[in-house]
Amino acid sequence: MTPIARIADAQAQGAVAETFAAVKAKFGAVPDMFRALANSPAALDGYFAFSGALAKGTLGSAASEAIALASAARHGCDFCAAAHGQLAKGAGLNAADIASAREGRASDARRQAVLDLAAALWAGYGKNADAAVASAKAKGLTDGDIAEIAGHVALNIFTNFFNNLAHVEPPAAWRNAA
């Protein structure tokens, strides 16, 4: 039994129903994470607002997916590991890149700088990261990049923790392909 209910299509009302329709149009189905989050329309809307805003940033989808993969591995979120394994492929990461990102490594120097800063933020809860920020800047990351990295770290902590709390599992097809 899951500790947090999943909202079925027939239960979805108003903005939640609209969100489900948009998710179905984009992905073909509504993943369980969104069905569980929909118990709080505010949480569901907050997730989409934050992730949508970060998607418009300059960090890039390959770097943001690498953060998500490293975060999922760090926090033991099977759903996020599988989902972001799929999304990372669409962002241009190959199987070796995906496996490396899960370990906090990248063959690309910029993406490695992103992952190093993300790891420093996780390790120190955002504190005592001055050396990591200086290192990131020395490797070419801007203050804007650093702000976006912090945003991606926070968003992924939210989804990792929520999915673990709600016992959200990935579909078998994602798990086997990730």
N, C-alpha and C. Protein backbone atom coordinates (compact mmCIF):
# COMPACT_ATOMS: atom_id res chain seq x y z
N MET A 1 0.83 -1.18 0.00
CA MET A 1 0.00 0.00 0.00
C MET A 1 0.88 1.25 0.00
N THR A 2 0.49 2.22 -0.78
CA THR A 2 1.24 3.47 -0.84
C THR A 2 0.73 4.43 0.23
N PRO A 3 1.62 5.18 0.86
CA PRO A 3 1.20 6.09 1.92
C PRO A 3 0.48 7.33 1.41
N ILE A 4 0.62 7.64 0.12
CA ILE A 4 -0.06 8.79 -0.47
C ILE A 4 -0.84 8.31 -1.68
N ALA A 5 -2.12 8.63 -1.70
CA ALA A 5 -3.01 8.17 -2.78
C ALA A 5 -2.60 8.74 -4.12
N ARG A 6 -3.00 8.07 -5.17
CA ARG A 6 -2.83 8.56 -6.53
C ARG A 6 -4.17 9.07 -7.01
N ILE A 7 -4.20 10.24 -7.58
CA ILE A 7 -5.43 10.83 -8.09
C ILE A 7 -5.70 10.24 -9.49
N ALA A 8 -6.84 9.58 -9.62
CA ALA A 8 -7.24 9.00 -10.90
C ALA A 8 -7.80 10.10 -11.81
N ASP A 9 -7.82 9.84 -13.10
CA ASP A 9 -8.35 10.81 -14.05
C ASP A 9 -9.75 11.27 -13.67
N ALA A 10 -10.60 10.32 -13.26
CA ALA A 10 -11.99 10.65 -12.92
C ALA A 10 -12.09 11.55 -11.69
N GLN A 11 -11.07 11.53 -10.83
CA GLN A 11 -11.06 12.37 -9.63
C GLN A 11 -10.51 13.77 -9.89
N ALA A 12 -9.76 13.92 -10.96
CA ALA A 12 -9.10 15.19 -11.25
C ALA A 12 -10.13 16.25 -11.63
N GLN A 13 -10.02 17.40 -10.99
CA GLN A 13 -10.94 18.51 -11.24
C GLN A 13 -10.16 19.77 -11.58
N GLY A 14 -10.76 20.67 -12.32
CA GLY A 14 -10.21 21.99 -12.57
C GLY A 14 -8.79 21.98 -13.10
N ALA A 15 -7.91 22.72 -12.41
CA ALA A 15 -6.53 22.87 -12.86
C ALA A 15 -5.79 21.53 -12.88
N VAL A 16 -6.12 20.64 -11.95
CA VAL A 16 -5.47 19.32 -11.95
C VAL A 16 -5.84 18.55 -13.20
N ALA A 17 -7.11 18.57 -13.58
CA ALA A 17 -7.55 17.90 -14.80
C ALA A 17 -6.86 18.49 -16.03
N GLU A 18 -6.71 19.82 -16.04
CA GLU A 18 -6.02 20.48 -17.15
C GLU A 18 -4.55 20.06 -17.20
N THR A 19 -3.94 19.98 -16.04
CA THR A 19 -2.53 19.55 -15.98
C THR A 19 -2.40 18.12 -16.46
N PHE A 20 -3.27 17.24 -16.01
CA PHE A 20 -3.23 15.85 -16.46
C PHE A 20 -3.38 15.77 -17.98
N ALA A 21 -4.29 16.54 -18.55
CA ALA A 21 -4.48 16.53 -20.01
C ALA A 21 -3.22 16.98 -20.74
N ALA A 22 -2.56 18.01 -20.22
CA ALA A 22 -1.33 18.50 -20.84
C ALA A 22 -0.21 17.47 -20.73
N VAL A 23 -0.11 16.82 -19.58
CA VAL A 23 0.92 15.80 -19.38
C VAL A 23 0.66 14.62 -20.32
N LYS A 24 -0.60 14.19 -20.43
CA LYS A 24 -0.94 13.09 -21.33
C LYS A 24 -0.61 13.44 -22.77
N ALA A 25 -0.88 14.70 -23.17
CA ALA A 25 -0.59 15.12 -24.54
C ALA A 25 0.91 15.08 -24.82
N LYS A 26 1.71 15.41 -23.81
CA LYS A 26 3.16 15.44 -24.00
C LYS A 26 3.81 14.07 -23.87
N PHE A 27 3.38 13.28 -22.88
CA PHE A 27 4.05 12.01 -22.57
C PHE A 27 3.22 10.77 -22.88
N GLY A 28 1.95 10.93 -23.19
CA GLY A 28 1.10 9.78 -23.49
C GLY A 28 0.42 9.18 -22.27
N ALA A 29 0.86 9.57 -21.09
CA ALA A 29 0.29 9.06 -19.83
C ALA A 29 0.65 10.04 -18.72
N VAL A 30 0.00 9.86 -17.57
CA VAL A 30 0.31 10.68 -16.40
C VAL A 30 1.11 9.83 -15.43
N PRO A 31 2.40 10.11 -15.28
CA PRO A 31 3.22 9.33 -14.34
C PRO A 31 2.68 9.44 -12.91
N ASP A 32 2.92 8.39 -12.14
CA ASP A 32 2.43 8.33 -10.75
C ASP A 32 2.90 9.50 -9.89
N MET A 33 4.09 10.04 -10.17
CA MET A 33 4.55 11.18 -9.38
C MET A 33 3.53 12.31 -9.44
N PHE A 34 3.03 12.60 -10.64
CA PHE A 34 2.07 13.69 -10.79
C PHE A 34 0.73 13.33 -10.17
N ARG A 35 0.35 12.06 -10.23
CA ARG A 35 -0.91 11.63 -9.61
C ARG A 35 -0.84 11.76 -8.10
N ALA A 36 0.33 11.48 -7.52
CA ALA A 36 0.49 11.64 -6.07
C ALA A 36 0.58 13.12 -5.69
N LEU A 37 1.35 13.89 -6.44
CA LEU A 37 1.46 15.33 -6.17
C LEU A 37 0.10 16.03 -6.27
N ALA A 38 -0.78 15.50 -7.12
CA ALA A 38 -2.07 16.14 -7.36
C ALA A 38 -2.98 16.14 -6.13
N ASN A 39 -2.61 15.42 -5.09
CA ASN A 39 -3.36 15.53 -3.84
C ASN A 39 -3.30 16.96 -3.32
N SER A 40 -2.27 17.67 -3.68
CA SER A 40 -2.14 19.10 -3.38
C SER A 40 -1.98 19.83 -4.70
N PRO A 41 -3.06 20.43 -5.21
CA PRO A 41 -2.91 21.20 -6.45
C PRO A 41 -1.81 22.26 -6.35
N ALA A 42 -1.59 22.79 -5.15
CA ALA A 42 -0.52 23.78 -4.97
C ALA A 42 0.85 23.13 -5.19
N ALA A 43 1.06 21.94 -4.67
CA ALA A 43 2.34 21.25 -4.85
C ALA A 43 2.55 20.88 -6.32
N LEU A 44 1.51 20.41 -6.97
CA LEU A 44 1.60 20.06 -8.38
C LEU A 44 1.92 21.29 -9.22
N ASP A 45 1.19 22.37 -8.97
CA ASP A 45 1.43 23.62 -9.69
C ASP A 45 2.83 24.16 -9.39
N GLY A 46 3.24 24.07 -8.14
CA GLY A 46 4.56 24.55 -7.77
C GLY A 46 5.66 23.79 -8.49
N TYR A 47 5.51 22.47 -8.58
CA TYR A 47 6.49 21.66 -9.31
C TYR A 47 6.59 22.14 -10.76
N PHE A 48 5.44 22.25 -11.43
CA PHE A 48 5.47 22.63 -12.84
C PHE A 48 5.95 24.06 -13.04
N ALA A 49 5.62 24.96 -12.12
CA ALA A 49 6.09 26.34 -12.25
C ALA A 49 7.61 26.39 -12.11
N PHE A 50 8.15 25.71 -11.10
CA PHE A 50 9.59 25.73 -10.86
C PHE A 50 10.34 25.02 -11.98
N SER A 51 9.91 23.83 -12.35
CA SER A 51 10.61 23.09 -13.40
C SER A 51 10.49 23.81 -14.74
N GLY A 52 9.33 24.41 -14.99
CA GLY A 52 9.15 25.16 -16.23
C GLY A 52 10.04 26.39 -16.30
N ALA A 53 10.18 27.08 -15.18
CA ALA A 53 11.05 28.25 -15.15
C ALA A 53 12.50 27.84 -15.37
N LEU A 54 12.95 26.77 -14.71
CA LEU A 54 14.33 26.33 -14.87
C LEU A 54 14.60 25.84 -16.29
N ALA A 55 13.61 25.27 -16.94
CA ALA A 55 13.77 24.79 -18.32
C ALA A 55 14.05 25.95 -19.28
N LYS A 56 13.65 27.15 -18.91
CA LYS A 56 13.90 28.33 -19.74
C LYS A 56 15.28 28.94 -19.48
N GLY A 57 16.03 28.38 -18.55
CA GLY A 57 17.33 28.91 -18.19
C GLY A 57 18.39 28.62 -19.24
N THR A 58 19.60 29.02 -18.92
CA THR A 58 20.71 28.87 -19.86
C THR A 58 21.60 27.68 -19.55
N LEU A 59 21.34 26.97 -18.47
CA LEU A 59 22.20 25.86 -18.07
C LEU A 59 22.21 24.75 -19.12
N GLY A 60 21.07 24.48 -19.71
CA GLY A 60 20.96 23.45 -20.74
C GLY A 60 20.42 22.14 -20.21
N SER A 61 19.75 21.41 -21.08
CA SER A 61 19.08 20.19 -20.66
C SER A 61 20.07 19.08 -20.30
N ALA A 62 21.21 19.00 -20.97
CA ALA A 62 22.17 17.93 -20.64
C ALA A 62 22.70 18.12 -19.22
N ALA A 63 23.02 19.36 -18.85
CA ALA A 63 23.53 19.64 -17.50
C ALA A 63 22.44 19.43 -16.46
N SER A 64 21.22 19.88 -16.75
CA SER A 64 20.14 19.72 -15.77
C SER A 64 19.79 18.25 -15.58
N GLU A 65 19.83 17.47 -16.65
CA GLU A 65 19.56 16.03 -16.52
C GLU A 65 20.69 15.34 -15.76
N ALA A 66 21.92 15.79 -15.95
CA ALA A 66 23.03 15.21 -15.19
C ALA A 66 22.84 15.47 -13.69
N ILE A 67 22.42 16.68 -13.33
CA ILE A 67 22.12 16.97 -11.92
C ILE A 67 21.03 16.04 -11.42
N ALA A 68 19.97 15.88 -12.20
CA ALA A 68 18.85 15.03 -11.79
C ALA A 68 19.29 13.58 -11.59
N LEU A 69 20.13 13.09 -12.48
CA LEU A 69 20.61 11.70 -12.35
C LEU A 69 21.49 11.54 -11.12
N ALA A 70 22.38 12.49 -10.88
CA ALA A 70 23.25 12.42 -9.69
C ALA A 70 22.42 12.53 -8.42
N SER A 71 21.42 13.39 -8.44
CA SER A 71 20.55 13.56 -7.27
C SER A 71 19.76 12.29 -6.99
N ALA A 72 19.20 11.69 -8.03
CA ALA A 72 18.42 10.46 -7.85
C ALA A 72 19.29 9.35 -7.26
N ALA A 73 20.52 9.25 -7.74
CA ALA A 73 21.43 8.23 -7.20
C ALA A 73 21.78 8.54 -5.75
N ARG A 74 22.06 9.79 -5.45
CA ARG A 74 22.44 10.20 -4.10
C ARG A 74 21.32 9.95 -3.10
N HIS A 75 20.07 10.20 -3.53
CA HIS A 75 18.94 10.13 -2.62
C HIS A 75 18.11 8.86 -2.77
N GLY A 76 18.57 7.92 -3.58
CA GLY A 76 17.90 6.63 -3.72
C GLY A 76 16.51 6.70 -4.29
N CYS A 77 16.30 7.59 -5.26
CA CYS A 77 14.98 7.73 -5.87
C CYS A 77 14.93 6.94 -7.18
N ASP A 78 14.33 5.76 -7.12
CA ASP A 78 14.25 4.91 -8.30
C ASP A 78 13.42 5.53 -9.42
N PHE A 79 12.32 6.21 -9.04
CA PHE A 79 11.48 6.84 -10.05
C PHE A 79 12.27 7.89 -10.81
N CYS A 80 12.96 8.77 -10.09
CA CYS A 80 13.72 9.85 -10.74
C CYS A 80 14.89 9.29 -11.54
N ALA A 81 15.53 8.25 -11.04
CA ALA A 81 16.63 7.64 -11.78
C ALA A 81 16.15 7.14 -13.14
N ALA A 82 15.01 6.48 -13.15
CA ALA A 82 14.47 5.95 -14.40
C ALA A 82 13.93 7.06 -15.29
N ALA A 83 13.15 7.99 -14.72
CA ALA A 83 12.57 9.07 -15.52
C ALA A 83 13.66 9.92 -16.15
N HIS A 84 14.65 10.30 -15.35
CA HIS A 84 15.71 11.16 -15.89
C HIS A 84 16.68 10.39 -16.78
N GLY A 85 16.75 9.08 -16.63
CA GLY A 85 17.49 8.29 -17.60
C GLY A 85 16.88 8.42 -18.98
N GLN A 86 15.54 8.40 -19.03
CA GLN A 86 14.84 8.58 -20.30
C GLN A 86 15.01 10.00 -20.82
N LEU A 87 14.81 10.99 -19.95
CA LEU A 87 14.92 12.39 -20.37
C LEU A 87 16.34 12.74 -20.79
N ALA A 88 17.33 12.13 -20.15
CA ALA A 88 18.73 12.41 -20.49
C ALA A 88 19.04 11.97 -21.91
N LYS A 89 18.44 10.87 -22.34
CA LYS A 89 18.64 10.42 -23.72
C LYS A 89 18.16 11.49 -24.69
N GLY A 90 17.00 12.07 -24.38
CA GLY A 90 16.46 13.14 -25.22
C GLY A 90 17.29 14.40 -25.18
N ALA A 91 18.09 14.56 -24.12
CA ALA A 91 18.97 15.73 -23.98
C ALA A 91 20.33 15.49 -24.62
N GLY A 92 20.50 14.32 -25.24
CA GLY A 92 21.73 14.03 -25.96
C GLY A 92 22.77 13.24 -25.19
N LEU A 93 22.45 12.79 -23.99
CA LEU A 93 23.42 11.98 -23.24
C LEU A 93 23.31 10.53 -23.70
N ASN A 94 24.46 9.89 -23.87
CA ASN A 94 24.46 8.48 -24.24
C ASN A 94 24.51 7.62 -22.98
N ALA A 95 24.50 6.32 -23.15
CA ALA A 95 24.46 5.41 -21.99
C ALA A 95 25.65 5.63 -21.06
N ALA A 96 26.83 5.86 -21.60
CA ALA A 96 28.01 6.09 -20.76
C ALA A 96 27.88 7.41 -20.00
N ASP A 97 27.36 8.45 -20.67
CA ASP A 97 27.15 9.74 -20.00
C ASP A 97 26.16 9.60 -18.85
N ILE A 98 25.09 8.83 -19.08
CA ILE A 98 24.06 8.64 -18.06
C ILE A 98 24.64 7.89 -16.86
N ALA A 99 25.39 6.83 -17.12
CA ALA A 99 26.00 6.07 -16.02
C ALA A 99 26.98 6.94 -15.25
N SER A 100 27.76 7.73 -15.95
CA SER A 100 28.72 8.62 -15.29
C SER A 100 28.02 9.68 -14.45
N ALA A 101 26.95 10.27 -15.00
CA ALA A 101 26.22 11.31 -14.27
C ALA A 101 25.68 10.76 -12.96
N ARG A 102 25.22 9.52 -12.97
CA ARG A 102 24.71 8.91 -11.74
C ARG A 102 25.80 8.82 -10.67
N GLU A 103 27.05 8.81 -11.10
CA GLU A 103 28.18 8.77 -10.18
C GLU A 103 28.77 10.16 -9.93
N GLY A 104 28.12 11.19 -10.49
CA GLY A 104 28.60 12.56 -10.32
C GLY A 104 29.78 12.89 -11.20
N ARG A 105 29.92 12.17 -12.31
CA ARG A 105 31.03 12.40 -13.22
C ARG A 105 30.52 12.73 -14.62
N ALA A 106 31.35 13.46 -15.36
CA ALA A 106 31.01 13.80 -16.75
C ALA A 106 32.29 13.89 -17.56
N SER A 107 32.21 13.50 -18.84
CA SER A 107 33.37 13.63 -19.73
C SER A 107 33.51 15.07 -20.22
N ASP A 108 32.43 15.82 -20.19
CA ASP A 108 32.41 17.22 -20.59
C ASP A 108 32.83 18.08 -19.39
N ALA A 109 33.84 18.95 -19.59
CA ALA A 109 34.39 19.75 -18.47
C ALA A 109 33.35 20.67 -17.85
N ARG A 110 32.52 21.30 -18.65
CA ARG A 110 31.50 22.21 -18.10
C ARG A 110 30.49 21.43 -17.27
N ARG A 111 30.03 20.30 -17.80
CA ARG A 111 29.05 19.49 -17.06
C ARG A 111 29.68 18.94 -15.78
N GLN A 112 30.98 18.63 -15.80
CA GLN A 112 31.65 18.19 -14.57
C GLN A 112 31.68 19.31 -13.54
N ALA A 113 31.92 20.54 -13.98
CA ALA A 113 31.90 21.68 -13.05
C ALA A 113 30.52 21.85 -12.43
N VAL A 114 29.48 21.63 -13.24
CA VAL A 114 28.09 21.70 -12.75
C VAL A 114 27.87 20.63 -11.68
N LEU A 115 28.27 19.41 -11.98
CA LEU A 115 28.08 18.30 -11.03
C LEU A 115 28.90 18.49 -9.76
N ASP A 116 30.10 19.03 -9.90
CA ASP A 116 30.93 19.28 -8.71
C ASP A 116 30.26 20.30 -7.79
N LEU A 117 29.72 21.36 -8.36
CA LEU A 117 29.04 22.35 -7.53
C LEU A 117 27.78 21.76 -6.90
N ALA A 118 27.01 21.00 -7.67
CA ALA A 118 25.82 20.35 -7.12
C ALA A 118 26.20 19.46 -5.94
N ALA A 119 27.26 18.69 -6.09
CA ALA A 119 27.71 17.80 -5.00
C ALA A 119 28.10 18.60 -3.77
N ALA A 120 28.75 19.74 -3.96
CA ALA A 120 29.12 20.59 -2.83
C ALA A 120 27.89 21.14 -2.13
N LEU A 121 26.87 21.49 -2.91
CA LEU A 121 25.63 21.99 -2.31
C LEU A 121 24.94 20.91 -1.50
N TRP A 122 24.87 19.69 -2.04
CA TRP A 122 24.26 18.59 -1.28
C TRP A 122 25.05 18.31 0.00
N ALA A 123 26.35 18.25 -0.13
CA ALA A 123 27.20 17.87 1.01
C ALA A 123 27.11 18.88 2.15
N GLY A 124 27.07 20.15 1.82
CA GLY A 124 27.06 21.18 2.86
C GLY A 124 25.73 21.85 3.06
N TYR A 125 24.68 21.31 2.44
CA TYR A 125 23.35 21.90 2.53
C TYR A 125 23.36 23.37 2.09
N GLY A 126 24.23 23.68 1.13
CA GLY A 126 24.33 25.04 0.61
C GLY A 126 25.29 25.93 1.39
N LYS A 127 25.75 25.46 2.54
CA LYS A 127 26.67 26.25 3.36
C LYS A 127 28.11 25.90 3.02
N ASN A 128 29.00 26.82 3.35
CA ASN A 128 30.45 26.59 3.18
C ASN A 128 30.79 26.16 1.77
N ALA A 129 30.12 26.75 0.79
CA ALA A 129 30.34 26.38 -0.61
C ALA A 129 31.18 27.41 -1.36
N ASP A 130 31.79 28.35 -0.64
CA ASP A 130 32.55 29.41 -1.31
C ASP A 130 33.65 28.85 -2.21
N ALA A 131 34.38 27.86 -1.74
CA ALA A 131 35.46 27.28 -2.55
C ALA A 131 34.88 26.60 -3.79
N ALA A 132 33.76 25.92 -3.63
CA ALA A 132 33.13 25.25 -4.77
C ALA A 132 32.61 26.27 -5.78
N VAL A 133 32.08 27.38 -5.30
CA VAL A 133 31.62 28.45 -6.20
C VAL A 133 32.81 29.06 -6.93
N ALA A 134 33.88 29.32 -6.21
CA ALA A 134 35.08 29.88 -6.85
C ALA A 134 35.62 28.93 -7.91
N SER A 135 35.63 27.65 -7.62
CA SER A 135 36.09 26.66 -8.58
C SER A 135 35.17 26.63 -9.80
N ALA A 136 33.87 26.70 -9.58
CA ALA A 136 32.92 26.71 -10.69
C ALA A 136 33.14 27.93 -11.59
N LYS A 137 33.34 29.08 -10.95
CA LYS A 137 33.59 30.29 -11.73
C LYS A 137 34.90 30.20 -12.50
N ALA A 138 35.92 29.62 -11.89
CA ALA A 138 37.21 29.45 -12.57
C ALA A 138 37.07 28.54 -13.79
N LYS A 139 36.07 27.68 -13.76
CA LYS A 139 35.84 26.76 -14.88
C LYS A 139 34.83 27.32 -15.87
N GLY A 140 34.47 28.60 -15.70
CA GLY A 140 33.63 29.27 -16.69
C GLY A 140 32.16 29.41 -16.37
N LEU A 141 31.72 28.91 -15.23
CA LEU A 141 30.30 29.05 -14.89
C LEU A 141 30.04 30.48 -14.40
N THR A 142 28.89 30.99 -14.76
CA THR A 142 28.50 32.35 -14.39
C THR A 142 27.67 32.34 -13.12
N ASP A 143 27.44 33.51 -12.57
CA ASP A 143 26.54 33.61 -11.42
C ASP A 143 25.15 33.10 -11.77
N GLY A 144 24.71 33.35 -13.00
CA GLY A 144 23.41 32.83 -13.44
C GLY A 144 23.39 31.31 -13.47
N ASP A 145 24.47 30.72 -13.99
CA ASP A 145 24.58 29.25 -13.99
C ASP A 145 24.51 28.71 -12.57
N ILE A 146 25.23 29.37 -11.66
CA ILE A 146 25.28 28.93 -10.27
C ILE A 146 23.90 29.00 -9.63
N ALA A 147 23.16 30.07 -9.92
CA ALA A 147 21.79 30.18 -9.40
C ALA A 147 20.91 29.07 -9.95
N GLU A 148 21.05 28.76 -11.23
CA GLU A 148 20.25 27.69 -11.82
C GLU A 148 20.64 26.32 -11.25
N ILE A 149 21.92 26.11 -11.02
CA ILE A 149 22.35 24.84 -10.42
C ILE A 149 21.70 24.68 -9.06
N ALA A 150 21.71 25.74 -8.25
CA ALA A 150 21.06 25.68 -6.93
C ALA A 150 19.57 25.37 -7.09
N GLY A 151 18.94 25.96 -8.10
CA GLY A 151 17.53 25.68 -8.36
C GLY A 151 17.29 24.23 -8.72
N HIS A 152 18.12 23.69 -9.60
CA HIS A 152 17.98 22.28 -9.99
C HIS A 152 18.23 21.35 -8.82
N VAL A 153 19.21 21.69 -7.99
CA VAL A 153 19.48 20.88 -6.79
C VAL A 153 18.23 20.86 -5.91
N ALA A 154 17.65 22.03 -5.66
CA ALA A 154 16.47 22.11 -4.80
C ALA A 154 15.28 21.37 -5.39
N LEU A 155 15.03 21.57 -6.69
CA LEU A 155 13.91 20.89 -7.34
C LEU A 155 14.07 19.38 -7.26
N ASN A 156 15.28 18.89 -7.49
CA ASN A 156 15.49 17.44 -7.46
C ASN A 156 15.43 16.88 -6.06
N ILE A 157 15.86 17.63 -5.07
CA ILE A 157 15.67 17.16 -3.69
C ILE A 157 14.18 17.01 -3.41
N PHE A 158 13.39 17.99 -3.83
CA PHE A 158 11.94 17.91 -3.63
C PHE A 158 11.36 16.66 -4.28
N THR A 159 11.66 16.43 -5.56
CA THR A 159 11.06 15.28 -6.23
C THR A 159 11.60 13.96 -5.69
N ASN A 160 12.91 13.91 -5.39
CA ASN A 160 13.47 12.68 -4.81
C ASN A 160 12.79 12.35 -3.50
N PHE A 161 12.71 13.32 -2.61
CA PHE A 161 12.14 13.07 -1.29
C PHE A 161 10.65 12.76 -1.39
N PHE A 162 9.93 13.50 -2.24
CA PHE A 162 8.50 13.23 -2.38
C PHE A 162 8.25 11.83 -2.93
N ASN A 163 8.97 11.46 -3.98
CA ASN A 163 8.76 10.14 -4.57
C ASN A 163 9.13 9.02 -3.60
N ASN A 164 10.20 9.22 -2.83
CA ASN A 164 10.54 8.22 -1.81
C ASN A 164 9.46 8.14 -0.75
N LEU A 165 8.98 9.27 -0.30
CA LEU A 165 7.92 9.33 0.71
C LEU A 165 6.64 8.65 0.21
N ALA A 166 6.28 8.93 -1.03
CA ALA A 166 5.02 8.42 -1.60
C ALA A 166 5.16 7.02 -2.20
N HIS A 167 6.36 6.45 -2.15
CA HIS A 167 6.63 5.14 -2.74
C HIS A 167 6.28 5.10 -4.22
N VAL A 168 6.65 6.15 -4.94
CA VAL A 168 6.41 6.21 -6.38
C VAL A 168 7.46 5.36 -7.08
N GLU A 169 7.00 4.42 -7.85
CA GLU A 169 7.89 3.51 -8.59
C GLU A 169 7.79 3.82 -10.08
N PRO A 170 8.89 3.64 -10.81
CA PRO A 170 8.84 3.89 -12.26
C PRO A 170 8.13 2.75 -12.97
N PRO A 171 7.54 3.06 -14.12
CA PRO A 171 7.00 1.97 -14.93
C PRO A 171 8.14 1.01 -15.32
N ALA A 172 7.82 -0.25 -15.50
CA ALA A 172 8.84 -1.26 -15.82
C ALA A 172 9.60 -0.88 -17.09
N ALA A 173 8.92 -0.33 -18.07
CA ALA A 173 9.59 0.02 -19.33
C ALA A 173 10.68 1.07 -19.11
N TRP A 174 10.45 2.00 -18.19
CA TRP A 174 11.47 3.03 -17.90
C TRP A 174 12.63 2.40 -17.13
N ARG A 175 12.28 1.58 -16.17
CA ARG A 175 13.32 0.98 -15.31
C ARG A 175 14.26 0.12 -16.15
N ASN A 176 13.70 -0.64 -17.05
CA ASN A 176 14.50 -1.55 -17.85
C ASN A 176 15.31 -0.84 -18.92
N ALA A 177 14.86 0.33 -19.34
CA ALA A 177 15.55 1.05 -20.41
C ALA A 177 16.52 2.09 -19.89
N ALA A 178 16.47 2.40 -18.60
CA ALA A 178 17.29 3.50 -18.07
C ALA A 178 18.69 3.08 -17.74
